[in-house]
Amino acid sequence: MKKNIVKIFSFFVVASLFTSCNDDQDVTPIVQIAKPTMTIEINGASSGVITAAEGTTVPFTLTLSQPVSEDFDFFILREVSSTASGEDSDVENNTPNVIFQKKVTIPAFSTTYSDVIVINEDELAEGDENLVLTFGESRTSAVLFTPVTRTIKITNVVSDVLDLTFNFDREFTAGANTYSLCELTSDLSGDPYDVDFLVYDDSFNDLGVADAQTGACPEKIAMDLADYPDGTYHITAFLYTNAQLDLAEIGFPLISVPEFNIPITVDYLRAGSINKGRYTQESSNFFTSNSAEGTENQVVDIVISTVDGKRIFTIQDTAGNVSASGRMASKSKHISKRVK
């Protein structure tokens, strides 16, 4: 009897399995789907050192064998072996104390994605720098890929423009009060203390450059090589209005202000060639608080020359003593002129 029960139970098990296999209902299959593969191409190639000038970009392209149904992130890391800093490109420090990186997001269902590494242009006169980047790391898990490490050699770019800033402000005391030349206004005429700066050629012909004749304090001139042939250019200070400061010693509009010197300093910069510095006008050419309106004094000479096809700015005093010198540009930077 026991054997019969076992046989009957076995029959029902087999019948049940047979019925399940022939059921008309859908059966969800178990399928292992492989991740898409992704290839990385930088600057149109998969290897080699890339040379890029400041102010340019380096393109890269990510290509997928199949699209992914969700957005996913891709990371670019700046290696510690880089001599270029986080300020030299847009690959910055986004993860405190851990990784220098740039993150891009690949849109869902894309099979290709292109972007650029931005190489920043700075003002420093410096040699070539190496930016070592690794494209891709383990946080990107939606696709299969091999990270690519490339070196970008960043070359210095020299501006065609010499930026000059003329400072003439000075604080002084009258009675119990402290005054600033840049904020001084005459009680008599309402005139400010205003110095204009004129540019002459080597023969002292006024070139009509109005950049630094705006009433601003300080004043500025942008000397673009495209506007100036080789030669020596004399820049002078013209005391346009003096807020009646020259009357102070006799009691109007200020009271009992002893005569004092007003030296002019010049901040200069040629991005990529002449680092920012400061030149001080020769003491024999200083204005004083007693200088009358219409007084004009020499400030600085700018010599432009061409050597081996390269154009050079030299900053010097009237005796020919050089304060700074820097050579030509590989790229122009034009600055619009200001008018008064």
Protein backbone atom coordinates (compact mmCIF):
# COMPACT_ATOMS: atom_id res chain seq x y z
CA MET A 1 0.00 0.00 0.00
CA LYS A 2 2.86 2.33 0.95
CA LYS A 3 4.56 1.71 -2.38
CA ASN A 4 1.35 2.60 -4.22
CA ILE A 5 1.06 5.90 -2.36
CA VAL A 6 4.62 6.77 -3.30
CA LYS A 7 3.95 5.92 -6.94
CA ILE A 8 0.75 8.01 -6.98
CA PHE A 9 2.58 11.02 -5.39
CA SER A 10 5.40 10.73 -7.92
CA PHE A 11 2.90 10.68 -10.74
CA PHE A 12 1.29 13.93 -9.59
CA VAL A 13 4.69 15.64 -9.23
CA VAL A 14 5.69 14.66 -12.78
CA ALA A 15 2.28 15.70 -14.10
CA SER A 16 2.58 19.02 -12.32
CA LEU A 17 5.98 19.71 -13.86
CA PHE A 18 4.67 18.70 -17.29
CA THR A 19 1.69 21.01 -16.94
CA SER A 20 3.93 23.94 -15.82
CA CYS A 21 6.21 23.54 -18.81
CA ASN A 22 3.26 23.62 -21.17
CA ASP A 23 1.33 26.43 -19.50
CA ASP A 24 0.32 29.19 -21.94
CA GLN A 25 1.31 31.93 -19.45
CA ASP A 26 4.48 34.06 -20.16
CA VAL A 27 7.64 33.14 -18.32
CA THR A 28 10.08 35.99 -17.54
CA PRO A 29 13.50 34.94 -18.82
CA ILE A 30 16.67 35.57 -16.80
CA VAL A 31 19.09 37.32 -19.17
CA GLN A 32 22.56 38.68 -18.35
CA ILE A 33 22.98 42.01 -20.28
CA ALA A 34 26.58 43.22 -20.76
CA LYS A 35 27.38 46.91 -20.08
CA PRO A 36 28.25 49.06 -23.09
CA THR A 37 31.90 49.82 -23.67
CA MET A 38 33.15 53.40 -23.89
CA THR A 39 36.24 54.67 -25.70
CA ILE A 40 37.99 57.94 -24.79
CA GLU A 41 39.64 60.19 -27.35
CA ILE A 42 41.43 63.42 -26.38
CA ASN A 43 42.31 66.05 -28.97
CA GLY A 44 41.56 63.62 -31.77
CA ALA A 45 44.01 60.95 -30.58
CA SER A 46 44.32 58.27 -27.91
CA SER A 47 47.95 58.93 -26.96
CA GLY A 48 50.78 61.46 -27.01
CA VAL A 49 51.52 64.83 -25.39
CA ILE A 50 49.14 67.64 -26.34
CA THR A 51 50.39 71.21 -26.71
CA ALA A 52 47.87 73.94 -25.94
CA ALA A 53 48.34 77.69 -25.53
CA GLU A 54 46.78 79.65 -22.69
CA GLY A 55 43.30 80.81 -23.58
CA THR A 56 42.53 77.80 -25.81
CA THR A 57 40.65 74.53 -25.29
CA VAL A 58 41.46 70.83 -25.64
CA PRO A 59 38.55 68.74 -27.01
CA PHE A 60 37.69 65.23 -25.89
CA THR A 61 35.09 62.72 -27.12
CA LEU A 62 33.47 59.74 -25.37
CA THR A 63 31.99 57.06 -27.67
CA LEU A 64 29.64 54.31 -26.41
CA SER A 65 29.05 50.97 -28.13
CA GLN A 66 25.40 51.15 -26.99
CA PRO A 67 23.34 53.87 -25.31
CA VAL A 68 22.61 53.85 -21.57
CA SER A 69 19.03 54.48 -20.40
CA GLU A 70 20.05 56.91 -17.65
CA ASP A 71 22.27 59.97 -17.32
CA PHE A 72 25.64 59.11 -15.81
CA ASP A 73 28.65 61.10 -14.61
CA PHE A 74 32.19 60.97 -15.95
CA PHE A 75 35.18 62.39 -14.05
CA ILE A 76 38.44 63.95 -15.17
CA LEU A 77 41.19 64.10 -12.55
CA ARG A 78 44.20 66.41 -12.30
CA GLU A 79 47.14 64.33 -11.17
CA VAL A 80 49.46 65.54 -8.41
CA SER A 81 52.36 65.21 -10.86
CA SER A 82 50.99 68.26 -12.73
CA THR A 83 53.08 71.41 -12.60
CA ALA A 84 49.95 73.31 -13.68
CA SER A 85 47.66 74.30 -10.82
CA GLY A 86 43.87 74.33 -10.50
CA GLU A 87 43.89 77.93 -11.76
CA ASP A 88 45.46 76.95 -15.09
CA SER A 89 42.43 74.99 -16.37
CA ASP A 90 38.82 74.18 -15.50
CA VAL A 91 39.88 70.92 -13.83
CA GLU A 92 39.66 72.24 -10.29
CA ASN A 93 39.53 70.89 -6.77
CA ASN A 94 35.90 69.85 -6.26
CA THR A 95 36.48 67.17 -3.60
CA PRO A 96 38.19 68.74 -0.57
CA ASN A 97 41.61 67.25 0.21
CA VAL A 98 41.05 64.23 -2.03
CA ILE A 99 40.78 64.62 -5.80
CA PHE A 100 41.23 67.42 -8.30
CA GLN A 101 38.49 66.88 -10.83
CA LYS A 102 36.07 68.00 -13.49
CA LYS A 103 32.70 66.26 -13.78
CA VAL A 104 30.61 65.98 -16.94
CA THR A 105 27.23 64.29 -17.29
CA ILE A 106 26.51 62.01 -20.25
CA PRO A 107 22.83 62.29 -21.27
CA ALA A 108 20.70 59.14 -21.41
CA PHE A 109 20.54 57.31 -24.77
CA SER A 110 23.67 59.04 -26.10
CA THR A 111 26.23 57.12 -28.09
CA THR A 112 28.74 59.98 -28.27
CA TYR A 113 29.57 62.95 -26.06
CA SER A 114 32.02 65.79 -26.75
CA ASP A 115 33.34 68.51 -24.47
CA VAL A 116 36.52 70.51 -23.88
CA ILE A 117 39.16 71.15 -21.25
CA VAL A 118 39.48 74.93 -20.87
CA ILE A 119 43.05 76.20 -20.59
CA ASN A 120 42.93 79.48 -18.70
CA GLU A 121 44.92 82.55 -19.73
CA ASP A 122 46.68 84.31 -16.88
CA GLU A 123 48.81 87.42 -16.51
CA LEU A 124 52.01 85.73 -15.41
CA ALA A 125 55.17 85.61 -17.47
CA GLU A 126 56.07 81.96 -17.06
CA GLY A 127 57.50 78.94 -18.82
CA ASP A 128 55.63 75.90 -20.13
CA GLU A 129 53.59 73.91 -17.60
CA ASN A 130 52.39 70.32 -17.71
CA LEU A 131 48.76 69.53 -16.95
CA VAL A 132 48.49 65.77 -16.33
CA LEU A 133 44.89 64.53 -16.54
CA THR A 134 43.30 61.14 -16.11
CA PHE A 135 40.02 60.78 -18.01
CA GLY A 136 37.70 58.39 -16.14
CA GLU A 137 37.71 56.63 -12.77
CA SER A 138 35.75 54.10 -10.71
CA ARG A 139 32.76 56.30 -9.86
CA THR A 140 31.58 55.82 -13.44
CA SER A 141 30.05 52.32 -13.35
CA ALA A 142 27.37 52.50 -16.06
CA VAL A 143 29.83 51.56 -18.81
CA LEU A 144 33.04 49.60 -19.25
CA PHE A 145 36.15 51.63 -20.13
CA THR A 146 39.86 51.97 -19.55
CA PRO A 147 40.93 55.32 -18.01
CA VAL A 148 43.26 57.40 -20.18
CA THR A 149 46.02 59.60 -18.77
CA ARG A 150 47.29 62.43 -21.00
CA THR A 151 49.72 65.29 -20.55
CA ILE A 152 48.79 68.75 -21.85
CA LYS A 153 51.79 71.08 -22.23
CA ILE A 154 50.49 74.59 -21.59
CA THR A 155 52.45 77.27 -23.41
CA ASN A 156 52.62 80.87 -22.24
CA VAL A 157 50.74 83.52 -24.23
CA VAL A 158 52.02 87.07 -24.39
CA SER A 159 49.60 89.97 -24.77
CA ASP A 160 50.08 92.66 -27.42
CA VAL A 161 48.90 95.23 -24.88
CA LEU A 162 50.85 97.05 -22.18
CA ASP A 163 48.43 98.09 -19.44
CA LEU A 164 49.42 101.23 -17.53
CA THR A 165 47.65 102.57 -14.45
CA PHE A 166 48.57 106.08 -13.25
CA ASN A 167 48.17 106.69 -9.53
CA PHE A 168 48.26 110.22 -8.14
CA ASP A 169 46.09 110.01 -5.03
CA ARG A 170 47.51 111.17 -1.71
CA GLU A 171 46.10 111.84 1.73
CA PHE A 172 46.97 115.02 3.61
CA THR A 173 45.87 116.75 6.78
CA ALA A 174 44.36 120.22 7.12
CA GLY A 175 43.58 121.17 10.68
CA ALA A 176 41.82 118.24 12.33
CA ASN A 177 40.68 116.72 9.04
CA THR A 178 42.27 114.25 6.59
CA TYR A 179 41.64 114.71 2.87
CA SER A 180 42.25 112.60 -0.24
CA LEU A 181 43.22 114.13 -3.58
CA CYS A 182 40.86 111.74 -5.38
CA GLU A 183 37.95 112.98 -3.28
CA LEU A 184 38.94 116.63 -2.98
CA THR A 185 36.63 119.28 -4.45
CA SER A 186 37.15 123.02 -4.34
CA ASP A 187 34.72 124.99 -2.20
CA LEU A 188 35.29 127.90 -4.56
CA SER A 189 34.85 126.39 -8.04
CA GLY A 190 33.53 122.88 -7.39
CA ASP A 191 36.50 121.54 -9.40
CA PRO A 192 38.13 118.25 -8.37
CA TYR A 193 41.81 117.43 -8.27
CA ASP A 194 42.17 116.01 -11.80
CA VAL A 195 45.31 114.88 -13.61
CA ASP A 196 45.27 113.88 -17.29
CA PHE A 197 48.00 111.84 -18.99
CA LEU A 198 49.19 112.63 -22.51
CA VAL A 199 51.20 110.50 -24.94
CA TYR A 200 53.82 112.09 -27.22
CA ASP A 201 56.04 110.55 -29.87
CA ASP A 202 59.82 110.90 -29.81
CA SER A 203 59.57 114.40 -31.33
CA PHE A 204 57.01 115.42 -28.68
CA ASN A 205 54.08 115.50 -31.07
CA ASP A 206 50.87 114.95 -29.10
CA LEU A 207 49.32 111.70 -30.40
CA GLY A 208 45.85 112.57 -29.14
CA VAL A 209 45.52 109.46 -26.98
CA ALA A 210 42.50 110.15 -24.76
CA ASP A 211 42.56 106.92 -22.73
CA ALA A 212 43.78 108.63 -19.55
CA GLN A 213 41.89 111.89 -19.84
CA THR A 214 38.64 110.76 -18.25
CA GLY A 215 38.50 112.48 -14.86
CA ALA A 216 39.02 109.11 -13.16
CA CYS A 217 41.39 108.51 -10.27
CA PRO A 218 43.49 106.55 -11.10
CA GLU A 219 43.73 106.92 -14.88
CA LYS A 220 44.63 104.12 -17.32
CA ILE A 221 46.19 103.65 -20.75
CA ALA A 222 46.23 100.41 -22.77
CA MET A 223 49.09 100.61 -25.27
CA ASP A 224 48.34 98.17 -28.10
CA LEU A 225 51.27 97.33 -30.37
CA ALA A 226 48.91 97.56 -33.33
CA ASP A 227 48.57 101.30 -32.64
CA TYR A 228 52.24 102.17 -32.10
CA PRO A 229 55.20 101.79 -34.47
CA ASP A 230 58.68 101.30 -33.03
CA GLY A 231 59.94 104.37 -31.22
CA THR A 232 60.07 106.19 -27.88
CA TYR A 233 56.84 107.51 -26.39
CA HIS A 234 56.83 110.15 -23.68
CA ILE A 235 53.95 110.13 -21.23
CA THR A 236 53.35 113.31 -19.25
CA ALA A 237 50.98 114.40 -16.47
CA PHE A 238 48.84 117.48 -17.12
CA LEU A 239 47.26 119.09 -14.05
CA TYR A 240 43.81 119.77 -15.47
CA THR A 241 42.27 121.13 -12.26
CA ASN A 242 43.78 121.30 -8.79
CA ALA A 243 40.76 122.01 -6.55
CA GLN A 244 42.49 125.31 -5.65
CA LEU A 245 44.92 123.30 -3.52
CA ASP A 246 47.64 125.80 -4.47
CA LEU A 247 45.79 128.43 -2.42
CA ALA A 248 45.85 126.37 0.77
CA GLU A 249 48.93 128.03 2.23
CA ILE A 250 47.19 131.38 2.22
CA GLY A 251 44.06 129.95 3.77
CA PHE A 252 41.57 129.19 0.97
CA PRO A 253 39.76 126.84 0.58
CA LEU A 254 41.82 124.77 3.06
CA ILE A 255 43.64 126.27 6.00
CA SER A 256 47.38 126.25 6.65
CA VAL A 257 48.41 123.24 4.55
CA PRO A 258 52.19 123.18 4.12
CA GLU A 259 53.42 122.40 0.61
CA PHE A 260 53.82 118.66 -0.05
CA ASN A 261 54.96 116.48 -2.94
CA ILE A 262 52.55 114.51 -5.12
CA PRO A 263 54.54 111.69 -6.74
CA ILE A 264 52.92 109.72 -9.57
CA THR A 265 53.36 105.95 -9.68
CA VAL A 266 52.66 103.75 -12.70
CA ASP A 267 51.44 100.17 -12.32
CA TYR A 268 52.42 98.23 -15.45
CA LEU A 269 51.53 94.81 -16.80
CA ARG A 270 52.01 92.97 -20.07
CA ALA A 271 50.24 89.66 -19.59
CA GLY A 272 52.54 86.74 -20.23
CA SER A 273 55.64 88.92 -20.62
CA ILE A 274 55.99 91.64 -18.00
CA ASN A 275 54.68 90.71 -14.58
CA LYS A 276 52.83 93.41 -12.69
CA GLY A 277 55.19 96.01 -11.26
CA ARG A 278 55.30 99.64 -10.19
CA TYR A 279 57.36 102.51 -11.57
CA THR A 280 57.77 105.78 -9.63
CA GLN A 281 58.10 109.07 -11.45
CA GLU A 282 61.44 110.85 -11.08
CA SER A 283 61.40 113.13 -8.04
CA SER A 284 62.43 116.16 -10.10
CA ASN A 285 59.10 115.87 -11.95
CA PHE A 286 56.76 115.59 -8.96
CA PHE A 287 53.79 117.91 -8.72
CA THR A 288 53.46 119.64 -5.37
CA SER A 289 50.38 120.91 -3.61
CA ASN A 290 51.37 124.37 -4.89
CA SER A 291 51.46 123.33 -8.57
CA ALA A 292 49.18 125.52 -10.65
CA GLU A 293 46.52 124.31 -13.04
CA GLY A 294 47.99 123.70 -16.49
CA THR A 295 51.32 122.46 -15.15
CA GLU A 296 52.68 119.53 -17.20
CA ASN A 297 55.46 117.22 -16.03
CA GLN A 298 57.19 114.16 -17.47
CA VAL A 299 56.12 110.80 -15.98
CA VAL A 300 57.60 107.85 -17.91
CA ASP A 301 59.04 106.83 -21.29
CA ILE A 302 57.83 103.73 -23.15
CA VAL A 303 60.19 102.39 -25.81
CA ILE A 304 58.78 100.01 -28.44
CA SER A 305 61.33 98.07 -30.47
CA THR A 306 61.53 95.00 -32.72
CA VAL A 307 64.26 92.43 -32.13
CA ASP A 308 64.47 89.26 -34.26
CA GLY A 309 60.92 89.87 -35.42
CA LYS A 310 59.60 90.20 -31.86
CA ARG A 311 58.18 93.45 -30.56
CA ILE A 312 59.29 94.64 -27.16
CA PHE A 313 57.98 97.15 -24.62
CA THR A 314 60.57 98.81 -22.37
CA ILE A 315 59.61 101.02 -19.43
CA GLN A 316 62.23 103.60 -18.46
CA ASP A 317 62.81 107.05 -16.99
CA THR A 318 64.08 110.06 -18.90
CA ALA A 319 67.68 109.11 -18.13
CA GLY A 320 67.20 105.75 -19.84
CA ASN A 321 67.14 103.68 -16.63
CA VAL A 322 65.02 100.59 -17.38
CA SER A 323 62.28 99.57 -14.98
CA ALA A 324 60.96 96.62 -16.99
CA SER A 325 61.09 95.11 -20.47
CA GLY A 326 59.14 92.35 -22.13
CA ARG A 327 58.88 90.91 -25.60
CA MET A 328 56.26 90.28 -28.18
CA ALA A 329 52.94 88.57 -28.18
CA SER A 330 51.72 85.40 -29.80
CA LYS A 331 48.16 86.65 -29.54
CA SER A 332 46.59 90.08 -29.54
CA LYS A 333 44.34 91.40 -26.83
CA HIS A 334 42.57 94.56 -27.95
CA ILE A 335 41.12 96.83 -25.33
CA SER A 336 38.57 99.47 -26.26
CA LYS A 337 39.65 103.03 -25.65
CA ARG A 338 37.91 105.27 -23.16
CA VAL A 339 36.98 108.87 -23.85
CA LYS A 340 36.40 111.70 -21.47
